[in-house]
Amino acid sequence: MRNIFKDFKIKKELERFKKFKENYIFNQKEILEQNGALFCDGICIKENENSEFIGECEKFVNVGYKLHGSLPKILSNLFPYTFYFRGYKLHSVESFFQALKFKNPKAQKEIFKLSGLDSNRIKAAQDYSWKQQGIVYFLGKPYLRNSKEYDLLIDELYVSLIQNPLFVGALKNVGDKYILHAIGETEKTETVFTRYEFEKQLNCLKEYCKLYK
C-alpha cells in the first residue's frame, strides 16, 4: 500500500533536486591507459589487466562492491539499502535496475524483494532482451533507454533512496572527494546505467545532500 505522506515528501524533494541538478556543473574525470596501467587524475587506479582497481585515495572514492574500503562498497548499487519507490519496498538500487530488464510485472515485483547480489544474478532468468529493443519496463510501462523520461525515472529513484539516512551519511562522508565508478560500462546500449550517468548522479547527490539533508 502506498504511503501518501512518503509520496508527497519524495515528490516535493524531487522537484527541488531537479532544479539543483539543472544548475549542477559536472566534469567527469577521464580514465587514461598508459603501458597497460589505468590512471585517473594522475593516480594509478589499476596497475595491469590482472590487478584490482584501487577503492579509495586522497582524490576520489572508486565505487565497487568488491573493492577494498568501506565507502566503495556502501555507495555501490549492490549494497542492501532499504527504501520505498512508488509504493514498493526495494532492498537495493540494483534490484530496481535488474527488474527493468524484465517485461513481466510479476517477475519485477519478485526482483524488488531480492538483495543486490541476488538481483544481479537473477538476470540469467530474463524473459526479454532490452538491448535489442532499446526499451526497458517498469511495471508494464515502457521507457526508451535513451530518453528524458527514463532520466527522470532515475532521478526519482535516487531521490527516494536519499530518504534513507544511511545512504545520505555515506555520501556526506565522501567529503570533497570525487565519486568515481571505474568499472562502469560506457555505452547506453550496453547498460541501464552508464559510468557517466552513475558518476554524475552520485556526485550531484553528494553536493545536494550537503545543502539539504
N, C-alpha and C. Protein backbone atom coordinates (compact mmCIF):
# COMPACT_ATOMS: atom_id res chain seq x y z
N MET A 1 0.84 -1.20 0.00
CA MET A 1 0.00 0.00 0.00
C MET A 1 0.87 1.24 0.00
N ARG A 2 0.53 2.18 -0.86
CA ARG A 2 1.32 3.40 -0.96
C ARG A 2 1.08 4.30 0.24
N ASN A 3 2.15 4.96 0.67
CA ASN A 3 2.10 5.88 1.78
C ASN A 3 2.02 7.30 1.21
N ILE A 4 0.86 7.94 1.39
CA ILE A 4 0.64 9.25 0.79
C ILE A 4 1.64 10.28 1.30
N PHE A 5 1.97 10.20 2.59
CA PHE A 5 2.93 11.14 3.16
C PHE A 5 4.31 10.96 2.52
N LYS A 6 4.75 9.72 2.38
CA LYS A 6 6.06 9.46 1.76
C LYS A 6 6.06 9.91 0.30
N ASP A 7 4.98 9.61 -0.40
CA ASP A 7 4.88 10.02 -1.81
C ASP A 7 4.99 11.54 -1.95
N PHE A 8 4.30 12.26 -1.08
CA PHE A 8 4.31 13.73 -1.14
C PHE A 8 5.71 14.26 -0.83
N LYS A 9 6.36 13.68 0.16
CA LYS A 9 7.70 14.12 0.55
C LYS A 9 8.69 13.91 -0.58
N ILE A 10 8.62 12.74 -1.22
CA ILE A 10 9.53 12.44 -2.33
C ILE A 10 9.24 13.35 -3.52
N LYS A 11 7.96 13.56 -3.82
CA LYS A 11 7.59 14.42 -4.94
C LYS A 11 8.12 15.84 -4.73
N LYS A 12 7.99 16.35 -3.52
CA LYS A 12 8.46 17.70 -3.21
C LYS A 12 9.97 17.79 -3.33
N GLU A 13 10.67 16.79 -2.80
CA GLU A 13 12.13 16.81 -2.86
C GLU A 13 12.62 16.58 -4.28
N LEU A 14 11.89 15.80 -5.06
CA LEU A 14 12.27 15.55 -6.45
C LEU A 14 12.29 16.85 -7.24
N GLU A 15 11.31 17.69 -7.03
CA GLU A 15 11.27 18.97 -7.73
C GLU A 15 12.48 19.84 -7.35
N ARG A 16 12.83 19.83 -6.09
CA ARG A 16 13.98 20.61 -5.64
C ARG A 16 15.28 20.04 -6.21
N PHE A 17 15.37 18.71 -6.22
CA PHE A 17 16.59 18.08 -6.75
C PHE A 17 16.74 18.34 -8.25
N LYS A 18 15.64 18.28 -9.00
CA LYS A 18 15.72 18.51 -10.45
C LYS A 18 16.25 19.91 -10.74
N LYS A 19 15.79 20.90 -9.99
CA LYS A 19 16.27 22.27 -10.17
C LYS A 19 17.75 22.37 -9.81
N PHE A 20 18.13 21.69 -8.74
CA PHE A 20 19.54 21.68 -8.33
C PHE A 20 20.41 21.05 -9.41
N LYS A 21 19.94 19.95 -9.95
CA LYS A 21 20.70 19.22 -10.96
C LYS A 21 20.85 20.01 -12.25
N GLU A 22 19.84 20.77 -12.59
CA GLU A 22 19.90 21.60 -13.81
C GLU A 22 21.04 22.61 -13.74
N ASN A 23 21.35 23.07 -12.54
CA ASN A 23 22.40 24.08 -12.36
C ASN A 23 23.73 23.47 -11.92
N TYR A 24 23.74 22.15 -11.75
CA TYR A 24 24.96 21.48 -11.29
C TYR A 24 25.92 21.28 -12.46
N ILE A 25 27.14 21.73 -12.30
CA ILE A 25 28.15 21.59 -13.35
C ILE A 25 28.98 20.34 -13.04
N PHE A 26 28.91 19.39 -13.94
CA PHE A 26 29.62 18.12 -13.74
C PHE A 26 30.72 17.96 -14.78
N ASN A 27 31.92 17.71 -14.31
CA ASN A 27 33.06 17.44 -15.18
C ASN A 27 33.58 16.05 -14.85
N GLN A 28 33.30 15.12 -15.73
CA GLN A 28 33.73 13.75 -15.48
C GLN A 28 35.24 13.61 -15.62
N LYS A 29 35.84 12.89 -14.69
CA LYS A 29 37.27 12.65 -14.73
C LYS A 29 37.58 11.54 -15.74
N GLU A 30 38.60 11.78 -16.53
CA GLU A 30 38.99 10.80 -17.54
C GLU A 30 39.78 9.65 -16.92
N ILE A 31 39.63 8.47 -17.51
CA ILE A 31 40.48 7.34 -17.18
C ILE A 31 41.37 7.09 -18.39
N LEU A 32 42.68 7.17 -18.17
CA LEU A 32 43.65 7.06 -19.25
C LEU A 32 44.48 5.79 -19.10
N GLU A 33 44.80 5.20 -20.23
CA GLU A 33 45.62 3.99 -20.25
C GLU A 33 47.05 4.34 -20.64
N GLN A 34 48.01 3.81 -19.90
CA GLN A 34 49.42 4.06 -20.20
C GLN A 34 50.23 2.82 -19.85
N ASN A 35 50.81 2.20 -20.87
CA ASN A 35 51.63 1.00 -20.69
C ASN A 35 50.89 -0.10 -19.93
N GLY A 36 49.61 -0.25 -20.24
CA GLY A 36 48.82 -1.31 -19.62
C GLY A 36 48.21 -0.96 -18.28
N ALA A 37 48.56 0.20 -17.76
CA ALA A 37 48.00 0.65 -16.48
C ALA A 37 46.94 1.72 -16.73
N LEU A 38 46.01 1.85 -15.77
CA LEU A 38 44.95 2.85 -15.87
C LEU A 38 45.18 3.95 -14.84
N PHE A 39 45.00 5.20 -15.29
CA PHE A 39 45.23 6.34 -14.42
C PHE A 39 43.99 7.24 -14.41
N CYS A 40 43.75 7.85 -13.27
CA CYS A 40 42.68 8.85 -13.14
C CYS A 40 43.20 9.99 -12.28
N ASP A 41 43.16 11.18 -12.84
CA ASP A 41 43.62 12.37 -12.13
C ASP A 41 45.07 12.21 -11.64
N GLY A 42 45.89 11.55 -12.46
CA GLY A 42 47.30 11.39 -12.14
C GLY A 42 47.62 10.24 -11.20
N ILE A 43 46.60 9.50 -10.78
CA ILE A 43 46.79 8.39 -9.85
C ILE A 43 46.55 7.07 -10.57
N CYS A 44 47.44 6.11 -10.36
CA CYS A 44 47.26 4.79 -10.94
C CYS A 44 46.16 4.05 -10.20
N ILE A 45 45.08 3.71 -10.90
CA ILE A 45 43.96 3.04 -10.25
C ILE A 45 43.92 1.54 -10.56
N LYS A 46 44.73 1.12 -11.53
CA LYS A 46 44.81 -0.30 -11.87
C LYS A 46 46.15 -0.53 -12.57
N GLU A 47 47.02 -1.34 -11.97
CA GLU A 47 48.38 -1.48 -12.47
C GLU A 47 48.47 -2.25 -13.77
N ASN A 48 47.63 -3.26 -13.91
CA ASN A 48 47.60 -4.06 -15.14
C ASN A 48 46.28 -4.78 -15.22
N GLU A 49 46.06 -5.52 -16.30
CA GLU A 49 44.75 -6.15 -16.51
C GLU A 49 44.45 -7.23 -15.48
N ASN A 50 45.46 -7.73 -14.79
CA ASN A 50 45.25 -8.78 -13.79
C ASN A 50 45.13 -8.25 -12.36
N SER A 51 45.36 -6.96 -12.18
CA SER A 51 45.30 -6.39 -10.83
C SER A 51 43.92 -5.83 -10.54
N GLU A 52 43.66 -5.52 -9.28
CA GLU A 52 42.38 -4.95 -8.87
C GLU A 52 42.44 -3.43 -8.97
N PHE A 53 41.27 -2.83 -9.15
CA PHE A 53 41.17 -1.38 -9.05
C PHE A 53 41.38 -0.97 -7.59
N ILE A 54 41.97 0.20 -7.38
CA ILE A 54 42.01 0.72 -6.01
C ILE A 54 40.62 1.25 -5.66
N GLY A 55 40.29 1.20 -4.39
CA GLY A 55 38.96 1.62 -3.97
C GLY A 55 38.86 3.07 -3.53
N GLU A 56 39.95 3.59 -2.97
CA GLU A 56 39.88 4.94 -2.42
C GLU A 56 41.28 5.53 -2.30
N CYS A 57 41.39 6.82 -2.52
CA CYS A 57 42.65 7.53 -2.33
C CYS A 57 42.32 8.95 -1.89
N GLU A 58 43.33 9.82 -1.88
CA GLU A 58 43.11 11.17 -1.37
C GLU A 58 42.25 12.03 -2.29
N LYS A 59 42.07 11.60 -3.55
CA LYS A 59 41.31 12.41 -4.50
C LYS A 59 39.92 11.88 -4.82
N PHE A 60 39.69 10.59 -4.65
CA PHE A 60 38.40 10.04 -5.04
C PHE A 60 38.05 8.76 -4.31
N VAL A 61 36.78 8.42 -4.37
CA VAL A 61 36.26 7.13 -3.93
C VAL A 61 35.81 6.40 -5.18
N ASN A 62 36.39 5.26 -5.44
CA ASN A 62 36.07 4.46 -6.62
C ASN A 62 35.05 3.40 -6.22
N VAL A 63 33.82 3.58 -6.64
CA VAL A 63 32.72 2.73 -6.18
C VAL A 63 32.75 1.36 -6.84
N GLY A 64 32.65 0.35 -6.00
CA GLY A 64 32.58 -1.03 -6.47
C GLY A 64 32.36 -1.94 -5.27
N TYR A 65 31.39 -2.83 -5.35
CA TYR A 65 31.01 -3.64 -4.19
C TYR A 65 32.15 -4.53 -3.69
N LYS A 66 33.03 -4.93 -4.61
CA LYS A 66 34.10 -5.85 -4.23
C LYS A 66 35.44 -5.14 -4.02
N LEU A 67 35.46 -3.83 -4.14
CA LEU A 67 36.70 -3.10 -3.96
C LEU A 67 37.00 -2.89 -2.48
N HIS A 68 38.27 -2.70 -2.17
CA HIS A 68 38.67 -2.52 -0.78
C HIS A 68 38.23 -1.16 -0.23
N GLY A 69 37.89 -1.15 1.04
CA GLY A 69 37.44 0.06 1.69
C GLY A 69 35.94 0.04 1.94
N SER A 70 35.48 0.84 2.88
CA SER A 70 34.05 0.85 3.23
C SER A 70 33.21 1.66 2.27
N LEU A 71 33.65 2.87 1.95
CA LEU A 71 32.84 3.74 1.09
C LEU A 71 32.64 3.17 -0.31
N PRO A 72 33.66 2.58 -0.94
CA PRO A 72 33.40 1.99 -2.26
C PRO A 72 32.28 0.96 -2.24
N LYS A 73 32.17 0.22 -1.17
CA LYS A 73 31.17 -0.83 -1.05
C LYS A 73 29.78 -0.26 -0.77
N ILE A 74 29.71 0.66 0.21
CA ILE A 74 28.38 1.11 0.64
C ILE A 74 27.77 2.15 -0.30
N LEU A 75 28.54 2.64 -1.26
CA LEU A 75 27.98 3.52 -2.29
C LEU A 75 27.59 2.75 -3.54
N SER A 76 27.87 1.46 -3.54
CA SER A 76 27.54 0.62 -4.69
C SER A 76 26.04 0.38 -4.76
N ASN A 77 25.52 0.23 -5.98
CA ASN A 77 24.11 -0.10 -6.16
C ASN A 77 23.76 -1.47 -5.58
N LEU A 78 24.78 -2.29 -5.37
CA LEU A 78 24.55 -3.63 -4.82
C LEU A 78 24.34 -3.61 -3.30
N PHE A 79 24.72 -2.52 -2.64
CA PHE A 79 24.63 -2.50 -1.18
C PHE A 79 23.17 -2.55 -0.74
N PRO A 80 22.86 -3.31 0.33
CA PRO A 80 21.47 -3.53 0.74
C PRO A 80 20.83 -2.38 1.52
N TYR A 81 20.55 -1.29 0.83
CA TYR A 81 19.76 -0.21 1.43
C TYR A 81 18.28 -0.50 1.20
N THR A 82 17.48 -0.30 2.22
CA THR A 82 16.04 -0.45 2.09
C THR A 82 15.41 0.93 1.92
N PHE A 83 14.56 1.06 0.91
CA PHE A 83 13.86 2.32 0.68
C PHE A 83 12.60 2.06 -0.13
N TYR A 84 11.74 3.07 -0.21
CA TYR A 84 10.45 2.92 -0.89
C TYR A 84 10.44 3.71 -2.20
N PHE A 85 9.93 3.07 -3.22
CA PHE A 85 9.83 3.73 -4.52
C PHE A 85 8.47 3.42 -5.12
N ARG A 86 7.67 4.45 -5.26
CA ARG A 86 6.32 4.33 -5.83
C ARG A 86 5.50 3.21 -5.16
N GLY A 87 5.62 3.16 -3.85
CA GLY A 87 4.82 2.22 -3.08
C GLY A 87 5.45 0.86 -2.89
N TYR A 88 6.60 0.62 -3.49
CA TYR A 88 7.26 -0.68 -3.37
C TYR A 88 8.50 -0.57 -2.50
N LYS A 89 8.70 -1.58 -1.68
CA LYS A 89 9.87 -1.63 -0.82
C LYS A 89 11.00 -2.30 -1.59
N LEU A 90 12.07 -1.56 -1.81
CA LEU A 90 13.24 -2.09 -2.50
C LEU A 90 14.35 -2.38 -1.50
N HIS A 91 15.17 -3.36 -1.84
CA HIS A 91 16.25 -3.76 -0.93
C HIS A 91 17.64 -3.38 -1.46
N SER A 92 17.65 -2.74 -2.59
CA SER A 92 18.89 -2.18 -3.15
C SER A 92 18.52 -1.45 -4.43
N VAL A 93 19.39 -0.57 -4.88
CA VAL A 93 19.19 0.08 -6.17
C VAL A 93 19.32 -0.95 -7.29
N GLU A 94 20.21 -1.91 -7.08
CA GLU A 94 20.44 -2.93 -8.11
C GLU A 94 19.18 -3.71 -8.43
N SER A 95 18.36 -4.00 -7.42
CA SER A 95 17.13 -4.76 -7.67
C SER A 95 16.19 -3.99 -8.60
N PHE A 96 16.21 -2.66 -8.50
CA PHE A 96 15.40 -1.85 -9.42
C PHE A 96 15.95 -1.95 -10.84
N PHE A 97 17.25 -1.73 -10.98
CA PHE A 97 17.84 -1.74 -12.32
C PHE A 97 17.73 -3.11 -13.00
N GLN A 98 17.88 -4.17 -12.24
CA GLN A 98 17.75 -5.50 -12.83
C GLN A 98 16.30 -5.80 -13.20
N ALA A 99 15.36 -5.31 -12.40
CA ALA A 99 13.95 -5.53 -12.69
C ALA A 99 13.54 -4.86 -14.00
N LEU A 100 14.17 -3.71 -14.32
CA LEU A 100 13.84 -3.00 -15.55
C LEU A 100 14.08 -3.86 -16.80
N LYS A 101 14.94 -4.85 -16.67
CA LYS A 101 15.32 -5.68 -17.81
C LYS A 101 14.31 -6.80 -18.07
N PHE A 102 13.31 -6.90 -17.21
CA PHE A 102 12.25 -7.88 -17.36
C PHE A 102 10.99 -7.18 -17.86
N LYS A 103 10.22 -7.88 -18.66
CA LYS A 103 8.99 -7.30 -19.19
C LYS A 103 7.79 -7.66 -18.34
N ASN A 104 7.88 -8.77 -17.64
CA ASN A 104 6.77 -9.29 -16.85
C ASN A 104 6.67 -8.55 -15.51
N PRO A 105 5.59 -7.81 -15.25
CA PRO A 105 5.45 -7.08 -13.98
C PRO A 105 5.52 -7.97 -12.75
N LYS A 106 4.99 -9.19 -12.85
CA LYS A 106 5.04 -10.10 -11.70
C LYS A 106 6.48 -10.47 -11.38
N ALA A 107 7.27 -10.70 -12.41
CA ALA A 107 8.68 -11.02 -12.20
C ALA A 107 9.40 -9.83 -11.57
N GLN A 108 9.08 -8.63 -12.03
CA GLN A 108 9.71 -7.44 -11.47
C GLN A 108 9.43 -7.29 -9.98
N LYS A 109 8.20 -7.54 -9.59
CA LYS A 109 7.84 -7.41 -8.18
C LYS A 109 8.61 -8.41 -7.32
N GLU A 110 8.91 -9.57 -7.87
CA GLU A 110 9.71 -10.56 -7.15
C GLU A 110 11.15 -10.09 -7.02
N ILE A 111 11.65 -9.45 -8.07
CA ILE A 111 13.04 -8.96 -8.04
C ILE A 111 13.20 -7.83 -7.04
N PHE A 112 12.16 -7.02 -6.86
CA PHE A 112 12.21 -5.94 -5.87
C PHE A 112 12.52 -6.48 -4.46
N LYS A 113 12.15 -7.73 -4.21
CA LYS A 113 12.33 -8.32 -2.89
C LYS A 113 13.75 -8.84 -2.66
N LEU A 114 14.55 -8.91 -3.72
CA LEU A 114 15.86 -9.52 -3.64
C LEU A 114 16.94 -8.54 -3.18
N SER A 115 18.00 -9.08 -2.65
CA SER A 115 19.17 -8.28 -2.31
C SER A 115 19.88 -7.86 -3.59
N GLY A 116 20.85 -6.98 -3.46
CA GLY A 116 21.57 -6.52 -4.63
C GLY A 116 22.27 -7.64 -5.37
N LEU A 117 23.00 -8.48 -4.64
CA LEU A 117 23.74 -9.57 -5.27
C LEU A 117 22.80 -10.57 -5.94
N ASP A 118 21.73 -10.93 -5.24
CA ASP A 118 20.79 -11.90 -5.81
C ASP A 118 20.07 -11.33 -7.03
N SER A 119 19.72 -10.05 -6.98
CA SER A 119 19.04 -9.44 -8.14
C SER A 119 19.99 -9.36 -9.33
N ASN A 120 21.28 -9.18 -9.05
CA ASN A 120 22.26 -9.15 -10.13
C ASN A 120 22.39 -10.53 -10.79
N ARG A 121 22.29 -11.57 -9.98
CA ARG A 121 22.40 -12.93 -10.51
C ARG A 121 21.15 -13.36 -11.27
N ILE A 122 20.00 -12.80 -10.90
CA ILE A 122 18.72 -13.25 -11.48
C ILE A 122 18.60 -12.85 -12.94
N LYS A 123 19.51 -12.04 -13.45
CA LYS A 123 19.44 -11.65 -14.86
C LYS A 123 19.52 -12.85 -15.78
N ALA A 124 20.02 -13.98 -15.25
CA ALA A 124 20.07 -15.21 -16.05
C ALA A 124 18.67 -15.72 -16.37
N ALA A 125 17.66 -15.19 -15.67
CA ALA A 125 16.28 -15.62 -15.90
C ALA A 125 15.48 -14.62 -16.73
N GLN A 126 16.15 -13.69 -17.38
CA GLN A 126 15.46 -12.64 -18.13
C GLN A 126 14.52 -13.21 -19.18
N ASP A 127 13.35 -12.57 -19.30
CA ASP A 127 12.33 -13.00 -20.25
C ASP A 127 12.27 -12.07 -21.47
N TYR A 128 13.28 -11.19 -21.60
CA TYR A 128 13.18 -10.14 -22.61
C TYR A 128 14.57 -9.57 -22.87
N SER A 129 14.89 -9.26 -24.12
CA SER A 129 16.19 -8.69 -24.47
C SER A 129 16.06 -7.18 -24.66
N TRP A 130 16.29 -6.45 -23.61
CA TRP A 130 16.12 -5.00 -23.66
C TRP A 130 17.15 -4.35 -24.59
N LYS A 131 18.33 -4.95 -24.71
CA LYS A 131 19.38 -4.36 -25.54
C LYS A 131 18.96 -4.33 -27.01
N GLN A 132 18.27 -5.35 -27.46
CA GLN A 132 17.82 -5.39 -28.84
C GLN A 132 16.77 -4.32 -29.12
N GLN A 133 15.89 -4.09 -28.17
CA GLN A 133 14.79 -3.16 -28.36
C GLN A 133 15.13 -1.73 -27.94
N GLY A 134 16.09 -1.57 -27.04
CA GLY A 134 16.40 -0.24 -26.52
C GLY A 134 15.31 0.29 -25.61
N ILE A 135 14.52 -0.64 -25.06
CA ILE A 135 13.38 -0.28 -24.20
C ILE A 135 13.44 -1.10 -22.93
N VAL A 136 13.22 -0.44 -21.80
CA VAL A 136 13.10 -1.13 -20.52
C VAL A 136 11.68 -0.92 -19.99
N TYR A 137 11.32 -1.67 -18.96
CA TYR A 137 9.95 -1.61 -18.44
C TYR A 137 9.94 -1.40 -16.93
N PHE A 138 8.97 -0.61 -16.49
CA PHE A 138 8.69 -0.52 -15.06
C PHE A 138 7.21 -0.80 -14.85
N LEU A 139 6.93 -1.99 -14.37
CA LEU A 139 5.57 -2.44 -14.08
C LEU A 139 4.61 -2.20 -15.25
N GLY A 140 5.03 -2.65 -16.41
CA GLY A 140 4.18 -2.60 -17.60
C GLY A 140 4.36 -1.36 -18.46
N LYS A 141 4.99 -0.34 -17.93
CA LYS A 141 5.19 0.90 -18.70
C LYS A 141 6.55 0.86 -19.40
N PRO A 142 6.57 1.03 -20.73
CA PRO A 142 7.85 1.03 -21.44
C PRO A 142 8.55 2.38 -21.35
N TYR A 143 9.87 2.33 -21.29
CA TYR A 143 10.70 3.54 -21.29
C TYR A 143 11.82 3.35 -22.30
N LEU A 144 11.94 4.28 -23.22
CA LEU A 144 13.10 4.26 -24.10
C LEU A 144 14.34 4.48 -23.24
N ARG A 145 15.31 3.59 -23.39
CA ARG A 145 16.52 3.69 -22.57
C ARG A 145 17.17 5.06 -22.74
N ASN A 146 17.24 5.54 -23.93
CA ASN A 146 17.88 6.84 -24.19
C ASN A 146 16.79 7.90 -24.34
N SER A 147 16.23 8.31 -23.20
CA SER A 147 15.15 9.31 -23.24
C SER A 147 15.15 10.14 -21.97
N LYS A 148 14.58 11.33 -22.07
CA LYS A 148 14.45 12.20 -20.91
C LYS A 148 13.51 11.58 -19.88
N GLU A 149 12.49 10.90 -20.34
CA GLU A 149 11.54 10.25 -19.44
C GLU A 149 12.24 9.22 -18.56
N TYR A 150 13.14 8.48 -19.16
CA TYR A 150 13.91 7.50 -18.39
C TYR A 150 14.82 8.20 -17.37
N ASP A 151 15.47 9.26 -17.79
CA ASP A 151 16.34 10.00 -16.88
C ASP A 151 15.57 10.51 -15.67
N LEU A 152 14.35 10.97 -15.88
CA LEU A 152 13.53 11.47 -14.78
C LEU A 152 13.13 10.34 -13.84
N LEU A 153 12.90 9.16 -14.40
CA LEU A 153 12.59 7.99 -13.57
C LEU A 153 13.76 7.68 -12.64
N ILE A 154 14.97 7.78 -13.17
CA ILE A 154 16.16 7.51 -12.36
C ILE A 154 16.37 8.59 -11.30
N ASP A 155 16.08 9.83 -11.65
CA ASP A 155 16.15 10.89 -10.64
C ASP A 155 15.20 10.59 -9.48
N GLU A 156 14.01 10.14 -9.81
CA GLU A 156 13.03 9.82 -8.77
C GLU A 156 13.52 8.65 -7.91
N LEU A 157 14.15 7.68 -8.56
CA LEU A 157 14.70 6.54 -7.82
C LEU A 157 15.70 7.00 -6.77
N TYR A 158 16.65 7.85 -7.17
CA TYR A 158 17.69 8.26 -6.24
C TYR A 158 17.19 9.26 -5.19
N VAL A 159 16.21 10.04 -5.54
CA VAL A 159 15.60 10.91 -4.52
C VAL A 159 14.87 10.04 -3.49
N SER A 160 14.29 8.95 -3.94
CA SER A 160 13.68 8.00 -2.99
C SER A 160 14.76 7.38 -2.10
N LEU A 161 15.91 7.08 -2.69
CA LEU A 161 17.00 6.47 -1.92
C LEU A 161 17.54 7.40 -0.85
N ILE A 162 17.61 8.70 -1.12
CA ILE A 162 18.17 9.61 -0.11
C ILE A 162 17.19 9.89 1.03
N GLN A 163 16.06 9.21 1.02
CA GLN A 163 15.21 9.23 2.21
C GLN A 163 15.78 8.29 3.28
N ASN A 164 16.72 7.43 2.86
CA ASN A 164 17.41 6.55 3.79
C ASN A 164 18.61 7.30 4.36
N PRO A 165 18.64 7.58 5.67
CA PRO A 165 19.71 8.40 6.25
C PRO A 165 21.08 7.74 6.18
N LEU A 166 21.13 6.41 6.08
CA LEU A 166 22.42 5.74 6.00
C LEU A 166 23.11 6.03 4.67
N PHE A 167 22.34 6.06 3.58
CA PHE A 167 22.92 6.39 2.29
C PHE A 167 23.37 7.84 2.27
N VAL A 168 22.59 8.72 2.86
CA VAL A 168 22.97 10.14 2.95
C VAL A 168 24.26 10.28 3.73
N GLY A 169 24.38 9.53 4.82
CA GLY A 169 25.60 9.57 5.63
C GLY A 169 26.81 9.13 4.83
N ALA A 170 26.63 8.09 4.00
CA ALA A 170 27.73 7.62 3.16
C ALA A 170 28.16 8.69 2.17
N LEU A 171 27.20 9.36 1.55
CA LEU A 171 27.52 10.43 0.61
C LEU A 171 28.27 11.56 1.30
N LYS A 172 27.82 11.95 2.46
CA LYS A 172 28.46 13.06 3.17
C LYS A 172 29.88 12.71 3.60
N ASN A 173 30.12 11.44 3.93
CA ASN A 173 31.44 11.03 4.37
C ASN A 173 32.46 10.97 3.24
N VAL A 174 32.00 11.10 2.01
CA VAL A 174 32.93 11.21 0.88
C VAL A 174 33.68 12.54 0.95
N GLY A 175 33.04 13.53 1.58
CA GLY A 175 33.67 14.84 1.69
C GLY A 175 33.80 15.52 0.35
N ASP A 176 34.97 16.04 0.06
CA ASP A 176 35.21 16.75 -1.19
C ASP A 176 35.80 15.84 -2.27
N LYS A 177 35.91 14.58 -1.99
CA LYS A 177 36.46 13.66 -2.98
C LYS A 177 35.46 13.43 -4.12
N TYR A 178 36.00 13.10 -5.26
CA TYR A 178 35.19 12.78 -6.44
C TYR A 178 34.72 11.33 -6.34
N ILE A 179 33.47 11.09 -6.69
CA ILE A 179 32.95 9.72 -6.71
C ILE A 179 33.15 9.15 -8.11
N LEU A 180 33.99 8.15 -8.19
CA LEU A 180 34.38 7.51 -9.44
C LEU A 180 33.72 6.13 -9.52
N HIS A 181 33.47 5.68 -10.74
CA HIS A 181 32.94 4.31 -10.93
C HIS A 181 33.67 3.70 -12.13
N ALA A 182 34.94 3.39 -11.91
CA ALA A 182 35.83 2.99 -13.00
C ALA A 182 35.39 1.72 -13.71
N ILE A 183 34.68 0.85 -13.01
CA ILE A 183 34.27 -0.42 -13.62
C ILE A 183 32.99 -0.29 -14.44
N GLY A 184 32.40 0.89 -14.46
CA GLY A 184 31.13 1.08 -15.15
C GLY A 184 31.24 1.00 -16.66
N GLU A 185 30.18 0.51 -17.29
CA GLU A 185 30.10 0.48 -18.76
C GLU A 185 29.92 1.91 -19.28
N THR A 186 30.33 2.13 -20.51
CA THR A 186 30.28 3.49 -21.04
C THR A 186 29.15 3.74 -22.04
N GLU A 187 28.58 2.67 -22.61
CA GLU A 187 27.58 2.83 -23.66
C GLU A 187 26.17 2.54 -23.14
N LYS A 188 25.22 3.41 -23.46
CA LYS A 188 23.85 3.22 -23.03
C LYS A 188 23.21 1.98 -23.64
N THR A 189 23.74 1.54 -24.77
CA THR A 189 23.20 0.33 -25.41
C THR A 189 23.61 -0.94 -24.68
N GLU A 190 24.55 -0.82 -23.74
CA GLU A 190 25.07 -2.00 -23.06
C GLU A 190 24.68 -2.08 -21.59
N THR A 191 24.18 -0.99 -21.04
CA THR A 191 23.84 -0.97 -19.62
C THR A 191 22.67 -0.03 -19.36
N VAL A 192 21.94 -0.27 -18.29
CA VAL A 192 20.83 0.61 -17.94
C VAL A 192 21.31 1.82 -17.12
N PHE A 193 22.60 1.85 -16.80
CA PHE A 193 23.15 3.00 -16.07
C PHE A 193 24.65 3.04 -16.34
N THR A 194 25.08 3.99 -17.15
CA THR A 194 26.47 4.06 -17.55
C THR A 194 27.36 4.64 -16.45
N ARG A 195 28.65 4.51 -16.69
CA ARG A 195 29.61 5.12 -15.77
C ARG A 195 29.38 6.62 -15.65
N TYR A 196 29.17 7.30 -16.79
CA TYR A 196 28.93 8.74 -16.76
C TYR A 196 27.67 9.06 -15.96
N GLU A 197 26.58 8.35 -16.20
CA GLU A 197 25.32 8.60 -15.50
C GLU A 197 25.48 8.37 -14.01
N PHE A 198 26.17 7.29 -13.65
CA PHE A 198 26.38 6.97 -12.23
C PHE A 198 27.18 8.07 -11.54
N GLU A 199 28.29 8.45 -12.15
CA GLU A 199 29.16 9.43 -11.51
C GLU A 199 28.50 10.80 -11.41
N LYS A 200 27.79 11.19 -12.45
CA LYS A 200 27.09 12.48 -12.39
C LYS A 200 26.01 12.44 -11.31
N GLN A 201 25.26 11.35 -11.25
CA GLN A 201 24.17 11.26 -10.28
C GLN A 201 24.69 11.30 -8.85
N LEU A 202 25.70 10.49 -8.55
CA LEU A 202 26.17 10.43 -7.17
C LEU A 202 26.94 11.67 -6.75
N ASN A 203 27.71 12.24 -7.65
CA ASN A 203 28.40 13.47 -7.28
C ASN A 203 27.43 14.63 -7.10
N CYS A 204 26.39 14.65 -7.92
CA CYS A 204 25.36 15.67 -7.77
C CYS A 204 24.59 15.46 -6.46
N LEU A 205 24.23 14.23 -6.16
CA LEU A 205 23.54 13.92 -4.91
C LEU A 205 24.38 14.29 -3.70
N LYS A 206 25.67 14.05 -3.79
CA LYS A 206 26.58 14.40 -2.69
C LYS A 206 26.51 15.89 -2.38
N GLU A 207 26.58 16.71 -3.43
CA GLU A 207 26.53 18.16 -3.22
C GLU A 207 25.15 18.61 -2.77
N TYR A 208 24.13 17.96 -3.30
CA TYR A 208 22.75 18.28 -2.90
C TYR A 208 22.55 17.99 -1.40
N CYS A 209 23.03 16.85 -0.97
CA CYS A 209 22.82 16.45 0.43
C CYS A 209 23.59 17.34 1.40
N LYS A 210 24.68 17.91 0.96
CA LYS A 210 25.41 18.85 1.81
C LYS A 210 24.56 20.06 2.16
N LEU A 211 23.69 20.43 1.23
CA LEU A 211 22.86 21.62 1.44
C LEU A 211 21.52 21.32 2.10
N TYR A 212 20.94 20.17 1.77
CA TYR A 212 19.54 19.96 2.12
C TYR A 212 19.25 18.76 3.04
N LYS A 213 20.24 17.95 3.35
CA LYS A 213 19.94 16.76 4.16
C LYS A 213 20.73 16.77 5.47
